């Protein structure tokens, strides 16, 4: 069964996770203790052989081999290989759980759109939701070992009430080399179309909504089948396993206590129990064991999915919603806060302290502004600054005068200005009537235009 410890970590407290270390079910100790015992026994045997059975010359040779093995462990990137592999498997594990088909949305659509209080309407609703549950059972049988042990043959499925004898005969008469979990979904669509013709489904919109929910349900069944079919590439699993085993094979030799090669040379501290090596084995091998447990969560490990419980729950809840709860509504009355402008549900004594906390109104709600009143007064609009329209080239070359003429830029084609009628005061109107004019700039422009006209004459 799935081991849940959510309540134990609901609040963070001193030694919160430490209390979880004493759990046995679903623990790393239960998964790893056999491999750990084997590693300790091999390490102890090799240590005894080195200390008691080897000659001095053999010890010298073993020391060189151990030093080589100790250097070789640095060449195996265990953290990178295991970290990426376990992350991939955890993401796949959660995706498989979300792919388990649940009839909750489908049963709500059936209950609200397949009408009829008579026996015919009741049969329609119960049959439709039974087909959906049957499709889930048919896809979980070849995926989950627990479900297959519960329903080893199709006769057990018929005996459990998911399928009638006539449906079983039709199911067996349809020959296919592939999994036939989709057959109840086709029965569902045909029965829904018949209900639409009979008027139990009153419009095409309701039928379309029902088909959409069925397709989502069938897609989850299909995805569950493909997750079981397409595994993580075997090559990757083999690479990780070989890397781990070779790493600790080097550790068995390289992490032993070694006597100094030269007399008088200071040797390493003689630790009869290699704590650091054992912890390293515990972490890395435990990491691989976690991946081994959840790579297929439809088995019978402690933390695998409770597929049989899901089947029971789905059938019971779905039949209850489409049958007993069909149009069985409580009376609609005025709620408790009908005459109150602000609804305030009561608090118990254990939660009374929460009423003293102010509501969150925004991160800048309590920010203090400058106390100077002049800084908080609205600013009067500034007078419009006259903007002089200058040619583009004059802006580019950064001329000192805004009224630069094209002819000052060097030889080139002459620009013929458009004729403009003089104003009453003898000047020329601005080409941009909406912009404020600078008198000096306008005078300068008029003089240049007169010079240009004389040159052209």
Protein backbone atom coordinates (compact mmCIF):
# COMPACT_ATOMS: atom_id res chain seq x y z
CA UNK A 1 0.00 0.00 0.00
CA UNK A 2 1.06 3.61 -0.49
CA UNK A 3 2.87 4.97 2.55
CA UNK A 4 1.57 8.42 3.46
CA UNK A 5 3.32 10.61 6.02
CA UNK A 6 1.76 13.93 5.00
CA UNK A 7 0.19 14.57 8.42
CA UNK A 8 3.53 14.08 10.17
CA UNK A 9 5.10 16.89 8.16
CA UNK A 10 2.11 19.24 8.19
CA UNK A 11 3.99 21.61 10.52
CA UNK A 12 7.71 22.27 10.51
CA UNK A 13 9.19 21.59 13.92
CA UNK A 14 12.41 20.53 15.58
CA UNK A 15 13.46 17.09 14.39
CA UNK A 16 10.47 16.82 12.06
CA UNK A 17 12.18 14.70 9.42
CA UNK A 18 14.24 12.87 12.04
CA UNK A 19 11.13 11.08 13.29
CA UNK A 20 10.56 9.70 9.82
CA UNK A 21 13.89 7.87 9.97
CA UNK A 22 12.41 5.24 12.27
CA UNK A 23 9.69 4.12 9.84
CA UNK A 24 10.20 0.70 8.27
CA UNK A 25 7.46 0.40 5.63
CA UNK A 26 8.45 2.19 2.48
CA UNK A 27 11.83 3.10 3.97
CA UNK A 28 15.24 3.01 2.36
CA UNK A 29 16.35 0.45 4.97
CA UNK A 30 13.78 -2.04 3.74
CA UNK A 31 14.88 -1.55 0.14
CA UNK A 32 18.62 -1.54 0.68
CA UNK A 33 19.50 -3.73 3.64
CA UNK A 34 20.33 -6.83 1.58
CA UNK A 35 22.71 -5.01 -0.75
CA UNK A 36 24.20 -3.20 2.23
CA UNK A 37 24.94 -6.47 4.04
CA UNK A 38 26.58 -7.91 0.92
CA UNK A 39 28.82 -4.85 0.55
CA UNK A 40 29.86 -4.93 4.22
CA UNK A 41 30.66 -8.64 4.08
CA UNK A 42 32.80 -8.26 0.94
CA UNK A 43 34.64 -5.30 2.42
CA UNK A 44 35.33 -7.20 5.65
CA UNK A 45 36.58 -10.29 3.80
CA UNK A 46 38.94 -8.23 1.66
CA UNK A 47 40.22 -6.39 4.74
CA UNK A 48 40.94 -9.65 6.57
CA UNK A 49 42.79 -11.05 3.56
CA UNK A 50 44.94 -7.92 3.32
CA UNK A 51 45.73 -7.74 7.02
CA UNK A 52 46.29 -11.44 7.77
CA UNK A 53 47.02 -13.48 4.66
CA UNK A 54 49.17 -11.35 2.36
CA UNK A 55 52.96 -11.16 2.55
CA UNK A 56 54.86 -7.89 2.63
CA UNK A 57 55.56 -8.01 -1.09
CA UNK A 58 51.95 -8.82 -1.83
CA UNK A 59 50.85 -5.95 0.38
CA UNK A 60 53.05 -3.57 -1.60
CA UNK A 61 51.47 -4.75 -4.85
CA UNK A 62 47.99 -4.47 -3.36
CA UNK A 63 48.75 -0.93 -2.17
CA UNK A 64 49.59 0.16 -5.72
CA UNK A 65 46.42 -1.48 -7.04
CA UNK A 66 44.34 0.18 -4.31
CA UNK A 67 45.79 3.59 -5.07
CA UNK A 68 44.96 3.12 -8.74
CA UNK A 69 41.37 2.10 -7.90
CA UNK A 70 40.99 5.05 -5.56
CA UNK A 71 42.01 7.44 -8.33
CA UNK A 72 39.66 5.72 -10.77
CA UNK A 73 36.60 6.47 -8.65
CA UNK A 74 37.00 10.16 -9.47
CA UNK A 75 36.55 9.39 -13.17
CA UNK A 76 32.99 8.06 -12.73
CA UNK A 77 30.48 10.97 -12.49
CA UNK A 78 28.06 9.21 -10.16
CA UNK A 79 26.22 12.34 -8.98
CA UNK A 80 25.51 13.50 -12.53
CA UNK A 81 24.49 10.10 -13.89
CA UNK A 82 22.26 9.15 -10.96
CA UNK A 83 20.77 12.63 -10.54
CA UNK A 84 19.63 12.94 -14.13
CA UNK A 85 18.33 9.36 -14.19
CA UNK A 86 16.31 9.65 -10.99
CA UNK A 87 14.87 13.01 -12.06
CA UNK A 88 13.70 11.47 -15.33
CA UNK A 89 12.05 8.56 -13.52
CA UNK A 90 10.32 10.75 -10.91
CA UNK A 91 8.79 12.91 -13.65
CA UNK A 92 7.64 9.79 -15.46
CA UNK A 93 6.24 8.35 -12.23
CA UNK A 94 4.01 11.35 -11.58
CA UNK A 95 2.92 11.52 -15.22
CA UNK A 96 1.76 7.90 -15.00
CA UNK A 97 -0.34 8.67 -11.95
CA UNK A 98 -2.04 11.59 -13.68
CA UNK A 99 -2.78 9.27 -16.62
CA UNK A 100 -4.93 6.91 -14.53
CA UNK A 101 -8.49 7.38 -15.87
CA UNK A 102 -10.90 8.82 -13.31
CA UNK A 103 -14.62 9.07 -14.21
CA UNK A 104 -15.40 12.16 -12.12
CA UNK A 105 -15.87 14.63 -14.97
CA UNK A 106 -17.61 12.08 -17.18
CA UNK A 107 -20.11 11.06 -14.52
CA UNK A 108 -21.09 14.71 -13.90
CA UNK A 109 -21.78 15.20 -17.62
CA UNK A 110 -23.82 11.99 -17.78
CA UNK A 111 -25.85 12.93 -14.72
CA UNK A 112 -26.69 16.37 -16.09
CA UNK A 113 -27.31 15.56 -19.77
CA UNK A 114 -28.78 12.04 -19.96
CA UNK A 115 -32.36 12.52 -18.81
CA UNK A 116 -35.14 10.21 -17.79
CA UNK A 117 -36.49 9.29 -14.38
CA UNK A 118 -38.00 6.06 -15.66
CA UNK A 119 -36.23 2.72 -15.82
CA UNK A 120 -35.03 3.36 -19.37
CA UNK A 121 -33.21 6.55 -18.38
CA UNK A 122 -31.70 4.89 -15.33
CA UNK A 123 -30.42 1.98 -17.43
CA UNK A 124 -28.87 4.39 -19.92
CA UNK A 125 -26.95 6.33 -17.29
CA UNK A 126 -25.73 3.26 -15.41
CA UNK A 127 -24.71 1.49 -18.62
CA UNK A 128 -22.77 4.47 -19.92
CA UNK A 129 -20.75 4.87 -16.75
CA UNK A 130 -20.27 1.10 -16.48
CA UNK A 131 -18.71 1.07 -19.95
CA UNK A 132 -16.27 3.76 -18.83
CA UNK A 133 -15.27 1.76 -15.75
CA UNK A 134 -14.97 -1.39 -17.83
CA UNK A 135 -12.52 0.35 -20.16
CA UNK A 136 -10.37 1.33 -17.15
CA UNK A 137 -10.37 -2.25 -15.84
CA UNK A 138 -9.38 -3.60 -19.26
CA UNK A 139 -6.41 -1.24 -19.48
CA UNK A 140 -5.28 -1.82 -15.88
CA UNK A 141 -5.30 -5.62 -16.19
CA UNK A 142 -2.28 -5.77 -18.56
CA UNK A 143 -0.53 -2.90 -16.74
CA UNK A 144 -0.92 -3.57 -13.01
CA UNK A 145 0.06 -6.85 -11.39
CA UNK A 146 -2.40 -6.27 -8.56
CA UNK A 147 -5.34 -5.85 -10.93
CA UNK A 148 -4.30 -8.90 -12.96
CA UNK A 149 -4.20 -11.01 -9.79
CA UNK A 150 -7.68 -9.76 -8.92
CA UNK A 151 -9.10 -10.35 -12.42
CA UNK A 152 -6.94 -13.11 -13.96
CA UNK A 153 -9.51 -13.92 -16.68
CA UNK A 154 -12.39 -12.16 -18.37
CA UNK A 155 -14.78 -14.44 -16.52
CA UNK A 156 -13.72 -12.72 -13.30
CA UNK A 157 -14.51 -9.36 -14.90
CA UNK A 158 -18.00 -10.64 -15.81
CA UNK A 159 -18.47 -12.04 -12.33
CA UNK A 160 -17.49 -8.69 -10.80
CA UNK A 161 -20.31 -6.98 -12.71
CA UNK A 162 -18.29 -4.85 -15.08
CA UNK A 163 -19.51 -6.81 -18.10
CA UNK A 164 -22.59 -8.87 -18.94
CA UNK A 165 -22.54 -12.27 -20.60
CA UNK A 166 -23.82 -10.86 -23.90
CA UNK A 167 -21.17 -8.16 -23.83
CA UNK A 168 -18.54 -10.80 -23.09
CA UNK A 169 -19.58 -12.79 -26.15
CA UNK A 170 -19.45 -9.73 -28.38
CA UNK A 171 -16.10 -8.80 -26.88
CA UNK A 172 -14.62 -12.22 -27.60
CA UNK A 173 -16.05 -12.33 -31.12
CA UNK A 174 -14.16 -9.16 -32.05
CA UNK A 175 -10.74 -10.47 -33.04
CA UNK A 176 -7.77 -8.16 -32.76
CA UNK A 177 -4.07 -8.66 -32.21
CA UNK A 178 -3.93 -5.64 -29.93
CA UNK A 179 -5.35 -4.68 -26.58
CA UNK A 180 -9.13 -4.26 -26.82
CA UNK A 181 -9.64 -1.77 -24.00
CA UNK A 182 -11.20 0.65 -26.50
CA UNK A 183 -14.24 -1.54 -27.28
CA UNK A 184 -16.35 -0.30 -24.32
CA UNK A 185 -15.64 3.27 -25.44
CA UNK A 186 -17.15 2.47 -28.85
CA UNK A 187 -20.15 0.92 -27.14
CA UNK A 188 -20.44 4.14 -25.14
CA UNK A 189 -20.54 6.30 -28.28
CA UNK A 190 -23.15 4.11 -29.99
CA UNK A 191 -25.36 4.10 -26.91
CA UNK A 192 -25.04 7.87 -26.55
CA UNK A 193 -26.06 8.35 -30.19
CA UNK A 194 -29.08 6.12 -29.64
CA UNK A 195 -30.00 8.14 -26.54
CA UNK A 196 -29.84 11.31 -28.63
CA UNK A 197 -32.22 9.83 -31.21
CA UNK A 198 -34.60 8.75 -28.44
CA UNK A 199 -34.59 12.18 -26.86
CA UNK A 200 -32.84 11.21 -23.62
CA UNK A 201 -30.06 13.60 -24.68
CA UNK A 202 -32.01 16.70 -25.65
CA UNK A 203 -29.64 18.57 -27.95
CA UNK A 204 -26.46 18.17 -29.95
CA UNK A 205 -24.50 20.44 -27.62
CA UNK A 206 -25.02 18.02 -24.75
CA UNK A 207 -24.02 15.09 -26.97
CA UNK A 208 -20.89 16.95 -28.07
CA UNK A 209 -19.95 17.65 -24.46
CA UNK A 210 -20.46 14.01 -23.57
CA UNK A 211 -18.24 12.88 -26.45
CA UNK A 212 -15.51 15.34 -25.47
CA UNK A 213 -15.37 13.99 -21.93
CA UNK A 214 -15.33 10.43 -23.20
CA UNK A 215 -12.43 11.22 -25.54
CA UNK A 216 -10.45 12.69 -22.64
CA UNK A 217 -11.15 9.56 -20.61
CA UNK A 218 -10.13 7.28 -23.47
CA UNK A 219 -6.98 9.33 -24.07
CA UNK A 220 -5.86 8.67 -20.50
CA UNK A 221 -6.42 4.95 -20.99
CA UNK A 222 -4.35 5.10 -24.15
CA UNK A 223 -1.57 7.08 -22.45
CA UNK A 224 -1.44 4.55 -19.62
CA UNK A 225 -1.04 1.76 -22.15
CA UNK A 226 1.78 3.60 -23.92
CA UNK A 227 3.61 4.29 -20.67
CA UNK A 228 3.59 0.57 -20.03
CA UNK A 229 4.66 -0.20 -23.58
CA UNK A 230 7.41 2.42 -24.02
CA UNK A 231 9.88 2.21 -21.16
CA UNK A 232 12.95 4.27 -20.43
CA UNK A 233 15.61 3.01 -22.86
CA UNK A 234 17.29 -0.09 -21.47
CA UNK A 235 20.67 1.31 -22.45
CA UNK A 236 20.32 4.17 -19.98
CA UNK A 237 19.32 1.84 -17.14
CA UNK A 238 22.26 -0.43 -17.91
CA UNK A 239 24.68 2.51 -17.98
CA UNK A 240 23.55 3.70 -14.56
CA UNK A 241 23.68 0.20 -13.06
CA UNK A 242 27.14 -0.56 -14.47
CA UNK A 243 28.43 2.81 -13.29
CA UNK A 244 27.20 2.16 -9.75
CA UNK A 245 28.53 -1.39 -9.52
CA UNK A 246 31.92 -0.48 -10.99
CA UNK A 247 32.19 2.53 -8.69
CA UNK A 248 31.73 0.43 -5.55
CA UNK A 249 33.92 -2.36 -6.92
CA UNK A 250 36.71 0.22 -7.04
CA UNK A 251 35.71 1.40 -3.57
CA UNK A 252 35.99 -2.14 -2.16
CA UNK A 253 39.66 -2.19 -3.15
CA UNK A 254 40.64 1.45 -3.01
CA UNK A 255 38.99 2.38 0.31
CA UNK A 256 40.79 -0.29 2.33
CA UNK A 257 43.29 0.57 5.06
CA UNK A 258 46.79 0.61 3.51
CA UNK A 259 50.13 0.25 5.24
CA UNK A 260 52.88 2.71 4.18
CA UNK A 261 55.11 1.55 1.35
CA UNK A 262 58.33 2.83 2.92
CA UNK A 263 59.36 2.07 6.50
CA UNK A 264 59.01 5.06 8.78
CA UNK A 265 56.46 6.68 6.47
CA UNK A 266 53.30 7.85 8.19
CA UNK A 267 50.29 5.80 7.13
CA UNK A 268 46.57 6.47 7.12
CA UNK A 269 44.44 6.18 10.22
CA UNK A 270 43.35 2.59 10.67
CA UNK A 271 39.55 2.71 10.61
CA UNK A 272 38.25 -0.81 11.00
CA UNK A 273 34.78 0.42 10.06
CA UNK A 274 34.89 2.73 6.99
CA UNK A 275 32.08 5.10 7.89
CA UNK A 276 32.51 7.43 4.92
CA UNK A 277 32.53 4.54 2.44
CA UNK A 278 29.44 2.97 3.99
CA UNK A 279 27.60 6.29 3.91
CA UNK A 280 28.61 6.76 0.28
CA UNK A 281 27.22 3.33 -0.57
CA UNK A 282 24.06 4.10 1.36
CA UNK A 283 23.46 7.34 -0.57
CA UNK A 284 24.33 6.22 -4.09
CA UNK A 285 22.85 2.73 -3.91
CA UNK A 286 19.77 4.09 -2.16
CA UNK A 287 19.36 6.61 -4.96
CA UNK A 288 19.36 3.81 -7.51
CA UNK A 289 16.93 1.80 -5.36
CA UNK A 290 14.48 4.69 -5.37
CA UNK A 291 14.56 4.69 -9.17
CA UNK A 292 14.14 0.91 -9.20
CA UNK A 293 11.03 1.12 -7.04
CA UNK A 294 9.16 3.83 -8.91
CA UNK A 295 10.22 3.05 -12.47
CA UNK A 296 7.10 0.87 -12.66
CA UNK A 297 4.59 2.10 -10.05
CA UNK A 298 1.99 -0.54 -10.97
CA UNK A 299 3.68 -3.36 -9.11
CA UNK A 300 3.33 -4.49 -5.51
CA UNK A 301 5.95 -2.40 -3.73
CA UNK A 302 5.09 -0.35 -0.68
CA UNK A 303 4.83 2.92 -2.59
CA UNK A 304 3.16 1.63 -5.76
CA UNK A 305 -0.26 2.83 -6.81
CA UNK A 306 -3.34 1.33 -5.17
CA UNK A 307 -5.02 0.39 -8.43
CA UNK A 308 -7.56 -2.01 -6.90
CA UNK A 309 -8.72 0.64 -4.46
CA UNK A 310 -9.05 3.09 -7.33
CA UNK A 311 -11.25 0.65 -9.24
CA UNK A 312 -13.52 0.20 -6.23
CA UNK A 313 -13.74 3.90 -5.59
CA UNK A 314 -14.44 4.82 -9.22
CA UNK A 315 -17.24 2.28 -9.65
CA UNK A 316 -18.97 3.16 -6.40
CA UNK A 317 -18.79 6.93 -6.81
CA UNK A 318 -19.75 6.95 -10.49
CA UNK A 319 -22.83 4.74 -10.05
CA UNK A 320 -23.93 6.81 -7.07
CA UNK A 321 -23.67 10.06 -9.03
CA UNK A 322 -25.58 8.93 -12.14
CA UNK A 323 -28.30 6.96 -10.36
CA UNK A 324 -29.14 7.84 -6.77
CA UNK A 325 -28.12 11.47 -7.11
CA UNK A 326 -29.89 12.07 -10.43
CA UNK A 327 -32.17 15.11 -9.87
CA UNK A 328 -32.16 14.35 -6.15
CA UNK A 329 -31.54 17.90 -4.97
CA UNK A 330 -31.88 19.40 -1.52
CA UNK A 331 -34.37 22.30 -1.32
CA UNK A 332 -32.99 25.68 -2.34
CA UNK A 333 -33.44 28.02 0.65
CA UNK A 334 -31.99 31.29 1.87
CA UNK A 335 -28.52 30.86 3.24
CA UNK A 336 -27.44 31.84 6.74
CA UNK A 337 -26.00 35.16 5.61
CA UNK A 338 -29.00 36.25 3.56
CA UNK A 339 -29.55 39.48 5.51
CA UNK A 340 -25.90 40.22 6.23
CA UNK A 341 -23.81 42.42 3.98
CA UNK A 342 -20.54 40.78 5.05
CA UNK A 343 -20.40 37.04 5.57
CA UNK A 344 -18.20 35.98 8.47
CA UNK A 345 -18.10 32.25 9.25
CA UNK A 346 -17.40 31.48 12.92
CA UNK A 347 -14.01 30.41 14.26
CA UNK A 348 -13.34 27.81 16.90
CA UNK A 349 -11.23 28.46 19.97
CA UNK A 350 -8.27 26.71 18.33
CA UNK A 351 -8.37 29.11 15.37
CA UNK A 352 -9.45 32.31 17.16
CA UNK A 353 -5.95 33.79 16.88
CA UNK A 354 -6.33 33.95 13.10
CA UNK A 355 -9.02 36.63 13.44
CA UNK A 356 -6.45 39.04 14.88
CA UNK A 357 -4.31 38.91 11.76
CA UNK A 358 -5.07 41.70 9.27
CA UNK A 359 -6.05 40.77 5.77
CA UNK A 360 -3.45 41.02 3.06
CA UNK A 361 -4.23 44.08 0.93
CA UNK A 362 -1.11 44.26 -1.20
CA UNK A 363 2.62 44.49 -0.73
CA UNK A 364 2.65 48.33 -1.03
CA UNK A 365 -0.37 48.94 1.20
CA UNK A 366 1.72 49.71 4.32
CA UNK A 367 4.46 51.64 2.52
CA UNK A 368 5.09 55.04 4.11
CA UNK A 369 5.10 58.00 1.76
CA UNK A 370 7.12 61.19 2.18
CA UNK A 371 5.69 63.41 4.93
CA UNK A 372 6.36 66.60 2.94
CA UNK A 373 2.94 67.81 1.79
CA UNK A 374 4.45 69.66 -1.16
CA UNK A 375 5.71 66.35 -2.60
CA UNK A 376 2.23 64.84 -2.57
CA UNK A 377 0.43 67.75 -4.26
CA UNK A 378 -0.59 67.33 -7.91
CA UNK A 379 1.77 69.15 -10.25
CA UNK A 380 0.45 71.87 -12.53
CA UNK A 381 0.93 71.25 -16.24
CA UNK A 382 4.06 72.86 -17.66
CA UNK A 383 3.74 75.38 -20.51
CA UNK A 384 4.09 73.92 -23.94
CA UNK A 385 7.69 73.97 -25.13
CA UNK A 386 7.96 75.12 -28.76
CA UNK A 387 9.21 72.41 -31.00
CA UNK A 388 10.99 73.44 -34.15
CA UNK A 389 10.58 71.19 -37.13
CA UNK A 390 14.02 70.71 -38.63
CA UNK A 391 15.11 68.63 -41.58
CA UNK A 392 16.24 65.11 -40.87
CA UNK A 393 19.79 65.67 -42.14
CA UNK A 394 20.25 68.65 -39.85
CA UNK A 395 19.41 66.50 -36.84
CA UNK A 396 21.79 63.83 -38.05
CA UNK A 397 24.76 66.16 -38.50
CA UNK A 398 24.00 68.04 -35.27
CA UNK A 399 23.96 71.53 -36.78
CA UNK A 400 23.99 74.46 -34.40
CA UNK A 401 21.12 76.24 -36.15
CA UNK A 402 17.78 74.38 -36.43
CA UNK A 403 17.03 76.17 -39.71
CA UNK A 404 19.85 74.65 -41.77
CA UNK A 405 19.28 74.48 -45.49
CA UNK A 406 19.90 71.54 -47.78
CA UNK A 407 22.23 73.57 -49.92
CA UNK A 408 24.67 74.00 -47.01
CA UNK A 409 25.39 70.28 -47.02
CA UNK A 410 27.31 70.31 -50.26
CA UNK A 411 26.55 69.85 -53.92
CA UNK A 412 23.50 67.88 -54.76
CA UNK A 413 20.08 68.13 -56.32
CA UNK A 414 18.20 71.33 -55.64
CA UNK A 415 15.03 71.12 -53.58
CA UNK A 416 12.15 73.20 -54.89
CA UNK A 417 9.98 74.47 -52.07
CA UNK A 418 6.25 74.38 -52.38
CA UNK A 419 4.70 77.79 -53.11
CA UNK A 420 3.00 79.33 -50.11
CA UNK A 421 0.85 82.41 -49.99
CA UNK A 422 2.17 85.26 -47.84
CA UNK A 423 0.36 86.25 -44.69
CA UNK A 424 -1.13 89.64 -44.10
CA UNK A 425 1.99 90.78 -42.23
CA UNK A 426 4.19 89.87 -45.20
CA UNK A 427 5.52 86.61 -43.77
CA UNK A 428 4.92 83.07 -44.80
CA UNK A 429 2.68 80.67 -42.89
CA UNK A 430 4.22 77.75 -41.04
CA UNK A 431 4.05 74.35 -42.79
CA UNK A 432 2.98 72.90 -39.45
CA UNK A 433 0.07 75.01 -38.21
CA UNK A 434 -0.47 72.92 -35.06
CA UNK A 435 3.06 73.54 -33.74
CA UNK A 436 4.15 76.69 -31.93
CA UNK A 437 6.49 78.86 -34.01
CA UNK A 438 9.70 80.51 -32.88
CA UNK A 439 9.75 84.06 -34.41
CA UNK A 440 13.52 84.06 -34.90
CA UNK A 441 13.47 80.62 -36.54
CA UNK A 442 10.62 81.67 -38.84
CA UNK A 443 12.49 84.86 -39.89
CA UNK A 444 15.62 82.83 -40.59
CA UNK A 445 13.70 80.34 -42.70
CA UNK A 446 11.98 83.10 -44.69
CA UNK A 447 15.32 84.76 -45.45
CA UNK A 448 16.80 81.53 -46.69
CA UNK A 449 13.78 80.88 -48.89
CA UNK A 450 14.10 84.34 -50.43
CA UNK A 451 17.80 83.70 -51.15
CA UNK A 452 16.94 80.38 -52.79
CA UNK A 453 14.29 81.98 -54.99
CA UNK A 454 16.77 84.67 -56.14
CA UNK A 455 19.36 82.01 -56.96
CA UNK A 456 16.84 80.01 -58.94
CA UNK A 457 15.89 83.18 -60.93
